[in-house]
PDB file of N, CA and C in Angstrom:
ATOM      1  N   MET A   1     109.598 187.986  14.804  1.00  0.00           N
ATOM      2  CA  MET A   1     109.027 186.717  15.250  1.00  0.00           C
ATOM      3  C   MET A   1     107.490 186.878  15.355  1.00  0.00           C
ATOM      4  N   THR A   2     106.790 185.913  14.841  1.00  0.00           N
ATOM      5  CA  THR A   2     105.340 185.945  14.889  1.00  0.00           C
ATOM      6  C   THR A   2     104.835 184.940  15.899  1.00  0.00           C
ATOM      7  N   ILE A   3     103.907 185.361  16.728  1.00  0.00           N
ATOM      8  CA  ILE A   3     103.246 184.427  17.688  1.00  0.00           C
ATOM      9  C   ILE A   3     101.860 184.170  17.217  1.00  0.00           C
ATOM     10  N   ARG A   4     101.526 182.893  17.055  1.00  0.00           N
ATOM     11  CA  ARG A   4     100.194 182.495  16.614  1.00  0.00           C
ATOM     12  C   ARG A   4      99.396 182.051  17.821  1.00  0.00           C
ATOM     13  N   VAL A   5      98.256 182.684  18.073  1.00  0.00           N
ATOM     14  CA  VAL A   5      97.434 182.340  19.188  1.00  0.00           C
ATOM     15  C   VAL A   5      96.206 181.552  18.641  1.00  0.00           C
ATOM     16  N   LEU A   6      95.994 180.364  19.218  1.00  0.00           N
ATOM     17  CA  LEU A   6      94.918 179.567  18.785  1.00  0.00           C
ATOM     18  C   LEU A   6      93.707 179.699  19.744  1.00  0.00           C
ATOM     19  N   ASP A   7      92.526 179.660  19.175  1.00  0.00           N
ATOM     20  CA  ASP A   7      91.297 179.738  19.939  1.00  0.00           C
ATOM     21  C   ASP A   7      90.754 178.320  20.218  1.00  0.00           C
ATOM     22  N   PRO A   8      90.816 177.859  21.492  1.00  0.00           N
ATOM     23  CA  PRO A   8      90.446 176.491  21.806  1.00  0.00           C
ATOM     24  C   PRO A   8      88.932 176.275  21.902  1.00  0.00           C
ATOM     25  N   THR A   9      88.139 177.322  21.709  1.00  0.00           N
ATOM     26  CA  THR A   9      86.725 177.173  21.853  1.00  0.00           C
ATOM     27  C   THR A   9      86.148 176.585  20.539  1.00  0.00           C
ATOM     28  N   CYS A  10      84.965 176.029  20.682  1.00  0.00           N
ATOM     29  CA  CYS A  10      84.265 175.432  19.555  1.00  0.00           C
ATOM     30  C   CYS A  10      82.877 176.022  19.439  1.00  0.00           C
ATOM     31  N   GLU A  11      82.462 176.316  18.240  1.00  0.00           N
ATOM     32  CA  GLU A  11      81.156 176.890  18.042  1.00  0.00           C
ATOM     33  C   GLU A  11      80.030 175.864  18.174  1.00  0.00           C
ATOM     34  N   THR A  12      80.306 174.613  17.865  1.00  0.00           N
ATOM     35  CA  THR A  12      79.298 173.549  17.935  1.00  0.00           C
ATOM     36  C   THR A  12      79.569 172.639  19.085  1.00  0.00           C
ATOM     37  N   GLY A  13      78.513 172.179  19.718  1.00  0.00           N
ATOM     38  CA  GLY A  13      78.679 171.244  20.830  1.00  0.00           C
ATOM     39  C   GLY A  13      78.499 169.820  20.330  1.00  0.00           C
ATOM     40  N   PRO A  14      78.629 168.853  21.213  1.00  0.00           N
ATOM     41  CA  PRO A  14      78.421 167.480  20.825  1.00  0.00           C
ATOM     42  C   PRO A  14      76.964 167.231  20.531  1.00  0.00           C
ATOM     43  N   PRO A  15      76.644 166.223  19.710  1.00  0.00           N
ATOM     44  CA  PRO A  15      75.260 165.953  19.434  1.00  0.00           C
ATOM     45  C   PRO A  15      74.483 165.610  20.709  1.00  0.00           C
ATOM     46  N   LYS A  16      73.283 166.096  20.854  1.00  0.00           N
ATOM     47  CA  LYS A  16      72.480 165.825  22.026  1.00  0.00           C
ATOM     48  C   LYS A  16      71.747 164.509  21.889  1.00  0.00           C
ATOM     49  N   GLY A  17      71.899 163.715  22.894  1.00  0.00           N
ATOM     50  CA  GLY A  17      71.159 162.408  22.916  1.00  0.00           C
ATOM     51  C   GLY A  17      69.794 162.546  23.547  1.00  0.00           C
ATOM     52  N   GLU A  18      69.051 161.522  23.451  1.00  0.00           N
ATOM     53  CA  GLU A  18      67.741 161.490  24.070  1.00  0.00           C
ATOM     54  C   GLU A  18      67.861 160.865  25.481  1.00  0.00           C
ATOM     55  N   PRO A  19      67.168 161.396  26.463  1.00  0.00           N
ATOM     56  CA  PRO A  19      67.141 160.751  27.759  1.00  0.00           C
ATOM     57  C   PRO A  19      66.526 159.366  27.701  1.00  0.00           C
ATOM     58  N   ALA A  20      67.027 158.501  28.532  1.00  0.00           N
ATOM     59  CA  ALA A  20      66.452 157.172  28.616  1.00  0.00           C
ATOM     60  C   ALA A  20      65.003 157.238  29.073  1.00  0.00           C
ATOM     61  N   PRO A  21      64.171 156.329  28.605  1.00  0.00           N
ATOM     62  CA  PRO A  21      62.779 156.300  29.110  1.00  0.00           C
ATOM     63  C   PRO A  21      62.725 156.097  30.590  1.00  0.00           C
ATOM     64  N   ARG A  22      61.841 156.786  31.276  1.00  0.00           N
ATOM     65  CA  ARG A  22      61.720 156.613  32.744  1.00  0.00           C
ATOM     66  C   ARG A  22      61.011 155.278  33.046  1.00  0.00           C
ATOM     67  N   LEU A  23      61.507 154.668  34.149  1.00  0.00           N
ATOM     68  CA  LEU A  23      60.858 153.449  34.582  1.00  0.00           C
ATOM     69  C   LEU A  23      59.525 153.836  35.312  1.00  0.00           C
ATOM     70  N   ASP A  24      58.528 153.019  35.170  1.00  0.00           N
ATOM     71  CA  ASP A  24      57.294 153.307  35.842  1.00  0.00           C
ATOM     72  C   ASP A  24      57.333 152.755  37.257  1.00  0.00           C
ATOM     73  N   THR A  25      58.263 151.812  37.512  1.00  0.00           N
ATOM     74  CA  THR A  25      58.430 151.289  38.876  1.00  0.00           C
ATOM     75  C   THR A  25      59.826 150.752  39.017  1.00  0.00           C
ATOM     76  N   LEU A  26      60.311 150.657  40.233  1.00  0.00           N
ATOM     77  CA  LEU A  26      61.551 150.014  40.524  1.00  0.00           C
ATOM     78  C   LEU A  26      61.379 148.551  41.006  1.00  0.00           C
ATOM     79  N   GLU A  27      60.171 148.198  41.233  1.00  0.00           N
ATOM     80  CA  GLU A  27      59.861 146.850  41.781  1.00  0.00           C
ATOM     81  C   GLU A  27      60.319 145.758  40.779  1.00  0.00           C
ATOM     82  N   GLY A  28      61.134 144.866  41.298  1.00  0.00           N
ATOM     83  CA  GLY A  28      61.602 143.756  40.489  1.00  0.00           C
ATOM     84  C   GLY A  28      62.743 144.123  39.552  1.00  0.00           C
ATOM     85  N   LYS A  29      63.271 145.300  39.631  1.00  0.00           N
ATOM     86  CA  LYS A  29      64.277 145.811  38.717  1.00  0.00           C
ATOM     87  C   LYS A  29      65.686 145.578  39.288  1.00  0.00           C
ATOM     88  N   THR A  30      66.702 145.643  38.408  1.00  0.00           N
ATOM     89  CA  THR A  30      68.052 145.594  38.774  1.00  0.00           C
ATOM     90  C   THR A  30      68.644 147.066  38.692  1.00  0.00           C
ATOM     91  N   VAL A  31      69.224 147.513  39.773  1.00  0.00           N
ATOM     92  CA  VAL A  31      69.803 148.848  39.827  1.00  0.00           C
ATOM     93  C   VAL A  31      71.307 148.699  40.031  1.00  0.00           C
ATOM     94  N   GLY A  32      72.081 149.333  39.181  1.00  0.00           N
ATOM     95  CA  GLY A  32      73.526 149.277  39.276  1.00  0.00           C
ATOM     96  C   GLY A  32      74.080 150.600  39.767  1.00  0.00           C
ATOM     97  N   PHE A  33      75.110 150.514  40.566  1.00  0.00           N
ATOM     98  CA  PHE A  33      75.817 151.713  41.050  1.00  0.00           C
ATOM     99  C   PHE A  33      77.223 151.639  40.543  1.00  0.00           C
ATOM    100  N   ILE A  34      77.772 152.745  40.048  1.00  0.00           N
ATOM    101  CA  ILE A  34      79.179 152.802  39.668  1.00  0.00           C
ATOM    102  C   ILE A  34      79.850 153.771  40.656  1.00  0.00           C
ATOM    103  N   SER A  35      80.764 153.245  41.414  1.00  0.00           N
ATOM    104  CA  SER A  35      81.481 153.987  42.396  1.00  0.00           C
ATOM    105  C   SER A  35      82.792 154.565  41.793  1.00  0.00           C
ATOM    106  N   ASN A  36      83.190 155.756  42.228  1.00  0.00           N
ATOM    107  CA  ASN A  36      84.474 156.265  41.743  1.00  0.00           C
ATOM    108  C   ASN A  36      85.633 155.612  42.527  1.00  0.00           C
ATOM    109  N   GLY A  37      85.317 154.875  43.574  1.00  0.00           N
ATOM    110  CA  GLY A  37      86.369 154.225  44.349  1.00  0.00           C
ATOM    111  C   GLY A  37      86.835 154.969  45.556  1.00  0.00           C
ATOM    112  N   LYS A  38      86.301 156.154  45.771  1.00  0.00           N
ATOM    113  CA  LYS A  38      86.709 156.903  46.969  1.00  0.00           C
ATOM    114  C   LYS A  38      86.000 156.362  48.217  1.00  0.00           C
ATOM    115  N   GLU A  39      86.542 156.689  49.351  1.00  0.00           N
ATOM    116  CA  GLU A  39      86.175 156.055  50.626  1.00  0.00           C
ATOM    117  C   GLU A  39      84.663 156.052  50.960  1.00  0.00           C
ATOM    118  N   GLY A  40      83.987 157.173  50.786  1.00  0.00           N
ATOM    119  CA  GLY A  40      82.611 157.261  51.227  1.00  0.00           C
ATOM    120  C   GLY A  40      81.573 156.669  50.259  1.00  0.00           C
ATOM    121  N   THR A  41      81.954 156.372  49.031  1.00  0.00           N
ATOM    122  CA  THR A  41      80.988 155.953  48.047  1.00  0.00           C
ATOM    123  C   THR A  41      80.362 154.604  48.345  1.00  0.00           C
ATOM    124  N   ALA A  42      81.202 153.623  48.598  1.00  0.00           N
ATOM    125  CA  ALA A  42      80.666 152.244  48.783  1.00  0.00           C
ATOM    126  C   ALA A  42      79.692 152.130  49.957  1.00  0.00           C
ATOM    127  N   ARG A  43      80.026 152.811  51.035  1.00  0.00           N
ATOM    128  CA  ARG A  43      79.110 152.795  52.227  1.00  0.00           C
ATOM    129  C   ARG A  43      77.779 153.471  51.881  1.00  0.00           C
ATOM    130  N   PHE A  44      77.850 154.609  51.224  1.00  0.00           N
ATOM    131  CA  PHE A  44      76.635 155.341  50.857  1.00  0.00           C
ATOM    132  C   PHE A  44      75.788 154.501  49.883  1.00  0.00           C
ATOM    133  N   PHE A  45      76.403 153.881  48.869  1.00  0.00           N
ATOM    134  CA  PHE A  45      75.632 153.045  47.942  1.00  0.00           C
ATOM    135  C   PHE A  45      75.089 151.817  48.620  1.00  0.00           C
ATOM    136  N   HIS A  46      75.801 151.263  49.594  1.00  0.00           N
ATOM    137  CA  HIS A  46      75.261 150.111  50.328  1.00  0.00           C
ATOM    138  C   HIS A  46      73.964 150.497  51.041  1.00  0.00           C
ATOM    139  N   HIS A  47      73.951 151.621  51.753  1.00  0.00           N
ATOM    140  CA  HIS A  47      72.731 152.069  52.412  1.00  0.00           C
ATOM    141  C   HIS A  47      71.631 152.423  51.459  1.00  0.00           C
ATOM    142  N   LEU A  48      72.020 153.113  50.346  1.00  0.00           N
ATOM    143  CA  LEU A  48      71.005 153.459  49.359  1.00  0.00           C
ATOM    144  C   LEU A  48      70.389 152.210  48.732  1.00  0.00           C
ATOM    145  N   GLY A  49      71.211 151.200  48.451  1.00  0.00           N
ATOM    146  CA  GLY A  49      70.734 149.968  47.884  1.00  0.00           C
ATOM    147  C   GLY A  49      69.759 149.255  48.826  1.00  0.00           C
ATOM    148  N   ASP A  50      70.094 149.236  50.178  1.00  0.00           N
ATOM    149  CA  ASP A  50      69.179 148.647  51.118  1.00  0.00           C
ATOM    150  C   ASP A  50      67.838 149.363  51.156  1.00  0.00           C
ATOM    151  N   ALA A  51      67.897 150.720  51.095  1.00  0.00           N
ATOM    152  CA  ALA A  51      66.661 151.532  51.119  1.00  0.00           C
ATOM    153  C   ALA A  51      65.802 151.260  49.847  1.00  0.00           C
ATOM    154  N   LEU A  52      66.453 151.195  48.706  1.00  0.00           N
ATOM    155  CA  LEU A  52      65.742 150.954  47.439  1.00  0.00           C
ATOM    156  C   LEU A  52      65.106 149.543  47.459  1.00  0.00           C
ATOM    157  N   THR A  53      65.778 148.584  48.072  1.00  0.00           N
ATOM    158  CA  THR A  53      65.239 147.224  48.170  1.00  0.00           C
ATOM    159  C   THR A  53      64.034 147.209  49.053  1.00  0.00           C
ATOM    160  N   ARG A  54      64.164 147.776  50.267  1.00  0.00           N
ATOM    161  CA  ARG A  54      63.085 147.781  51.238  1.00  0.00           C
ATOM    162  C   ARG A  54      61.879 148.587  50.784  1.00  0.00           C
ATOM    163  N   ARG A  55      62.100 149.828  50.318  1.00  0.00           N
ATOM    164  CA  ARG A  55      61.034 150.772  50.052  1.00  0.00           C
ATOM    165  C   ARG A  55      60.368 150.577  48.662  1.00  0.00           C
ATOM    166  N   TYR A  56      61.155 150.164  47.684  1.00  0.00           N
ATOM    167  CA  TYR A  56      60.667 150.137  46.291  1.00  0.00           C
ATOM    168  C   TYR A  56      60.713 148.761  45.657  1.00  0.00           C
ATOM    169  N   GLY A  57      61.119 147.737  46.392  1.00  0.00           N
ATOM    170  CA  GLY A  57      61.076 146.403  45.861  1.00  0.00           C
ATOM    171  C   GLY A  57      62.104 146.059  44.797  1.00  0.00           C
ATOM    172  N   VAL A  58      63.225 146.796  44.797  1.00  0.00           N
ATOM    173  CA  VAL A  58      64.316 146.498  43.844  1.00  0.00           C
ATOM    174  C   VAL A  58      64.752 145.074  44.059  1.00  0.00           C
ATOM    175  N   ALA A  59      64.855 144.284  43.012  1.00  0.00           N
ATOM    176  CA  ALA A  59      65.215 142.880  43.107  1.00  0.00           C
ATOM    177  C   ALA A  59      66.696 142.650  43.290  1.00  0.00           C
ATOM    178  N   ARG A  60      67.511 143.470  42.661  1.00  0.00           N
ATOM    179  CA  ARG A  60      68.953 143.222  42.674  1.00  0.00           C
ATOM    180  C   ARG A  60      69.723 144.536  42.590  1.00  0.00           C
ATOM    181  N   ILE A  61      70.744 144.617  43.438  1.00  0.00           N
ATOM    182  CA  ILE A  61      71.679 145.791  43.470  1.00  0.00           C
ATOM    183  C   ILE A  61      73.017 145.290  42.955  1.00  0.00           C
ATOM    184  N   VAL A  62      73.598 146.012  42.064  1.00  0.00           N
ATOM    185  CA  VAL A  62      74.965 145.675  41.551  1.00  0.00           C
ATOM    186  C   VAL A  62      75.865 146.877  41.851  1.00  0.00           C
ATOM    187  N   LEU A  63      76.946 146.649  42.537  1.00  0.00           N
ATOM    188  CA  LEU A  63      77.924 147.693  42.792  1.00  0.00           C
ATOM    189  C   LEU A  63      79.221 147.420  42.077  1.00  0.00           C
ATOM    190  N   GLN A  64      79.599 148.341  41.193  1.00  0.00           N
ATOM    191  CA  GLN A  64      80.855 148.264  40.483  1.00  0.00           C
ATOM    192  C   GLN A  64      81.724 149.447  40.867  1.00  0.00           C
ATOM    193  N   THR A  65      83.013 149.225  41.016  1.00  0.00           N
ATOM    194  CA  THR A  65      83.945 150.275  41.400  1.00  0.00           C
ATOM    195  C   THR A  65      84.983 150.482  40.323  1.00  0.00           C
ATOM    196  N   LYS A  66      85.139 151.722  39.900  1.00  0.00           N
ATOM    197  CA  LYS A  66      86.161 152.041  38.898  1.00  0.00           C
ATOM    198  C   LYS A  66      87.550 151.810  39.483  1.00  0.00           C
ATOM    199  N   SER A  67      88.495 151.448  38.640  1.00  0.00           N
ATOM    200  CA  SER A  67      89.833 151.165  39.081  1.00  0.00           C
ATOM    201  C   SER A  67      90.623 152.465  39.350  1.00  0.00           C
ATOM    202  N   ASN A  68      90.180 153.580  38.801  1.00  0.00           N
ATOM    203  CA  ASN A  68      90.815 154.884  38.970  1.00  0.00           C
ATOM    204  C   ASN A  68      89.741 155.946  39.001  1.00  0.00           C
ATOM    205  N   TYR A  69      89.654 156.680  40.069  1.00  0.00           N
ATOM    206  CA  TYR A  69      88.509 157.621  40.204  1.00  0.00           C
ATOM    207  C   TYR A  69      88.522 158.773  39.171  1.00  0.00           C
ATOM    208  N   SER A  70      89.678 159.042  38.586  1.00  0.00           N
ATOM    209  CA  SER A  70      89.700 160.161  37.602  1.00  0.00           C
ATOM    210  C   SER A  70      89.631 159.677  36.153  1.00  0.00           C
ATOM    211  N   ALA A  71      89.504 158.393  35.936  1.00  0.00           N
ATOM    212  CA  ALA A  71      89.423 157.887  34.607  1.00  0.00           C
ATOM    213  C   ALA A  71      88.023 157.387  34.245  1.00  0.00           C
ATOM    214  N   PRO A  72      87.728 157.180  33.016  1.00  0.00           N
ATOM    215  CA  PRO A  72      86.428 156.627  32.635  1.00  0.00           C
ATOM    216  C   PRO A  72      86.280 155.208  33.207  1.00  0.00           C
ATOM    217  N   ALA A  73      85.076 154.692  33.338  1.00  0.00           N
ATOM    218  CA  ALA A  73      84.832 153.379  33.802  1.00  0.00           C
ATOM    219  C   ALA A  73      85.502 152.345  32.912  1.00  0.00           C
ATOM    220  N   ASP A  74      85.981 151.271  33.549  1.00  0.00           N
ATOM    221  CA  ASP A  74      86.615 150.199  32.813  1.00  0.00           C
ATOM    222  C   ASP A  74      85.629 149.532  31.851  1.00  0.00           C
ATOM    223  N   PRO A  75      86.121 148.970  30.737  1.00  0.00           N
ATOM    224  CA  PRO A  75      85.255 148.331  29.742  1.00  0.00           C
ATOM    225  C   PRO A  75      84.307 147.302  30.325  1.00  0.00           C
ATOM    226  N   HIS A  76      84.763 146.485  31.230  1.00  0.00           N
ATOM    227  CA  HIS A  76      83.856 145.455  31.805  1.00  0.00           C
ATOM    228  C   HIS A  76      82.711 146.059  32.553  1.00  0.00           C
ATOM    229  N   ILE A  77      82.874 147.256  33.151  1.00  0.00           N
ATOM    230  CA  ILE A  77      81.769 147.922  33.840  1.00  0.00           C
ATOM    231  C   ILE A  77      80.828 148.519  32.794  1.00  0.00           C
ATOM    232  N   VAL A  78      81.336 149.180  31.796  1.00  0.00           N
ATOM    233  CA  VAL A  78      80.509 149.788  30.753  1.00  0.00           C
ATOM    234  C   VAL A  78      79.679 148.698  30.027  1.00  0.00           C
ATOM    235  N   ASN A  79      80.313 147.604  29.762  1.00  0.00           N
ATOM    236  CA  ASN A  79      79.610 146.524  29.054  1.00  0.00           C
ATOM    237  C   ASN A  79      78.492 145.920  29.893  1.00  0.00           C
ATOM    238  N   GLY A  80      78.671 145.923  31.180  1.00  0.00           N
ATOM    239  CA  GLY A  80      77.648 145.348  32.060  1.00  0.00           C
ATOM    240  C   GLY A  80      76.403 146.200  32.305  1.00  0.00           C
ATOM    241  N   VAL A  81      76.532 147.514  32.029  1.00  0.00           N
ATOM    242  CA  VAL A  81      75.433 148.445  32.286  1.00  0.00           C
ATOM    243  C   VAL A  81      74.165 148.040  31.493  1.00  0.00           C
ATOM    244  N   SER A  82      74.323 147.436  30.358  1.00  0.00           N
ATOM    245  CA  SER A  82      73.163 147.078  29.544  1.00  0.00           C
ATOM    246  C   SER A  82      72.268 146.071  30.244  1.00  0.00           C
ATOM    247  N   GLU A  83      72.781 145.387  31.199  1.00  0.00           N
ATOM    248  CA  GLU A  83      72.001 144.333  31.980  1.00  0.00           C
ATOM    249  C   GLU A  83      71.235 144.999  33.123  1.00  0.00           C
ATOM    250  N   TRP A  84      71.379 146.278  33.372  1.00  0.00           N
ATOM    251  CA  TRP A  84      70.706 146.928  34.491  1.00  0.00           C
ATOM    252  C   TRP A  84      69.495 147.687  33.941  1.00  0.00           C
ATOM    253  N   ASP A  85      68.488 147.836  34.800  1.00  0.00           N
ATOM    254  CA  ASP A  85      67.331 148.640  34.454  1.00  0.00           C
ATOM    255  C   ASP A  85      67.541 150.097  34.775  1.00  0.00           C
ATOM    256  N   ALA A  86      68.326 150.389  35.797  1.00  0.00           N
ATOM    257  CA  ALA A  86      68.628 151.759  36.179  1.00  0.00           C
ATOM    258  C   ALA A  86      70.069 151.796  36.675  1.00  0.00           C
ATOM    259  N   MET A  87      70.645 152.973  36.600  1.00  0.00           N
ATOM    260  CA  MET A  87      72.058 153.126  36.985  1.00  0.00           C
ATOM    261  C   MET A  87      72.297 154.460  37.644  1.00  0.00           C
ATOM    262  N   LEU A  88      73.142 154.423  38.702  1.00  0.00           N
ATOM    263  CA  LEU A  88      73.583 155.646  39.382  1.00  0.00           C
ATOM    264  C   LEU A  88      75.088 155.630  39.394  1.00  0.00           C
ATOM    265  N   SER A  89      75.670 156.780  39.191  1.00  0.00           N
ATOM    266  CA  SER A  89      77.090 156.910  39.300  1.00  0.00           C
ATOM    267  C   SER A  89      77.359 157.966  40.368  1.00  0.00           C
ATOM    268  N   GLY A  90      78.409 157.778  41.204  1.00  0.00           N
ATOM    269  CA  GLY A  90      78.562 158.725  42.286  1.00  0.00           C
ATOM    270  C   GLY A  90      80.016 158.851  42.729  1.00  0.00           C
ATOM    271  N   ILE A  91      80.283 159.969  43.397  1.00  0.00           N
ATOM    272  CA  ILE A  91      81.541 160.238  44.009  1.00  0.00           C
ATOM    273  C   ILE A  91      81.348 160.319  45.507  1.00  0.00           C
ATOM    274  N   GLY A  92      82.348 159.871  46.235  1.00  0.00           N
ATOM    275  CA  GLY A  92      82.168 159.860  47.699  1.00  0.00           C
ATOM    276  C   GLY A  92      83.315 160.461  48.457  1.00  0.00           C
ATOM    277  N   ASP A  93      83.502 161.727  48.244  1.00  0.00           N
ATOM    278  CA  ASP A  93      84.566 162.419  48.989  1.00  0.00           C
ATOM    279  C   ASP A  93      84.133 162.696  50.409  1.00  0.00           C
TER     280      ASP A  93
END
């Protein structure tokens, strides 16, 4: 009997993308947060959004919550990201 062992590693990595251009200011911008849906995330993002609005003049905060913390973001969330000037994603364990 022969046992075949496969090597799951890969010599090449995924193509590297370019980082998004940095914003010169947050004033008047829309900042979106994507929550993983765990208990602490929404409260943290709420406080962070308030601070960004007060200190940096952010015009609008958008909070989206994934339907499942271990899965990718739902299509309606991913499609909405293009309307935001900046985005943060977080976990709140």
